[in-house]
Amino acid sequence: MQNAVNMLMLVCATLASLAFGVLAAYGVCRAAFAAFQMHAVQVAADRAKPSIAPVSQP
């Protein structure tokens, strides 16, 4: 009986470790995509600005 309990504990610990790893990877990916999105918004704003200043007429 003790071996079955130990095996169950080992399986549960393994599954918990895998779940934590998956959730940690998901959090890293979410953070990276949020950073990429902020960068894309900044690039789009820079491209929307006119690149040549208008010439003023006297």
Protein backbone atom coordinates (compact mmCIF):
# COMPACT_ATOMS: atom_id res chain seq x y z
CA MET A 1 0.00 0.00 0.00
CA GLN A 2 2.85 2.38 0.79
CA ASN A 3 4.30 1.85 -2.70
CA ALA A 4 0.97 2.81 -4.30
CA VAL A 5 0.79 6.00 -2.24
CA ASN A 6 4.38 6.87 -3.15
CA MET A 7 3.66 6.23 -6.83
CA LEU A 8 0.53 8.39 -6.68
CA MET A 9 2.49 11.20 -5.01
CA LEU A 10 5.19 10.94 -7.68
CA VAL A 11 2.63 11.09 -10.49
CA CYS A 12 0.87 14.07 -8.91
CA ALA A 13 4.16 15.91 -8.39
CA THR A 14 5.14 15.24 -12.00
CA LEU A 15 1.81 16.53 -13.34
CA ALA A 16 1.98 19.60 -11.10
CA SER A 17 5.50 20.33 -12.33
CA LEU A 18 4.44 20.00 -15.96
CA ALA A 19 1.41 22.23 -15.37
CA PHE A 20 3.59 24.88 -13.73
CA GLY A 21 6.02 24.76 -16.66
CA VAL A 22 3.23 25.15 -19.19
CA LEU A 23 1.71 28.07 -17.29
CA ALA A 24 5.11 29.75 -16.92
CA ALA A 25 5.78 29.39 -20.66
CA TYR A 26 2.32 30.78 -21.41
CA GLY A 27 3.03 33.81 -19.20
CA VAL A 28 6.37 34.44 -20.91
CA CYS A 29 4.75 34.23 -24.34
CA ARG A 30 1.93 36.59 -23.33
CA ALA A 31 4.46 39.11 -22.03
CA ALA A 32 6.57 38.85 -25.18
CA PHE A 33 3.57 39.33 -27.48
CA ALA A 34 2.42 42.32 -25.42
CA ALA A 35 5.89 43.86 -25.84
CA PHE A 36 5.81 43.16 -29.58
CA GLN A 37 2.38 44.77 -29.83
CA MET A 38 3.57 47.93 -28.05
CA HIS A 39 6.54 48.08 -30.41
CA ALA A 40 4.29 47.63 -33.45
CA VAL A 41 2.02 50.46 -32.28
CA GLN A 42 5.05 52.75 -31.87
CA VAL A 43 6.37 51.86 -35.33
CA ALA A 44 2.96 52.45 -36.88
CA ALA A 45 2.73 55.85 -35.18
CA ASP A 46 6.18 56.79 -36.45
CA ARG A 47 5.29 55.75 -39.99
CA ALA A 48 2.08 57.77 -39.90
CA LYS A 49 4.05 60.97 -39.32
CA PRO A 50 5.04 62.87 -42.44
CA SER A 51 8.68 62.21 -43.21
CA ILE A 52 9.27 65.57 -44.93
CA ALA A 53 8.46 68.79 -43.16
CA PRO A 54 6.21 71.09 -45.17
CA VAL A 55 7.92 74.10 -46.68
CA SER A 56 6.57 77.36 -45.37
CA GLN A 57 5.85 80.06 -47.94
CA PRO A 58 6.85 83.64 -47.04
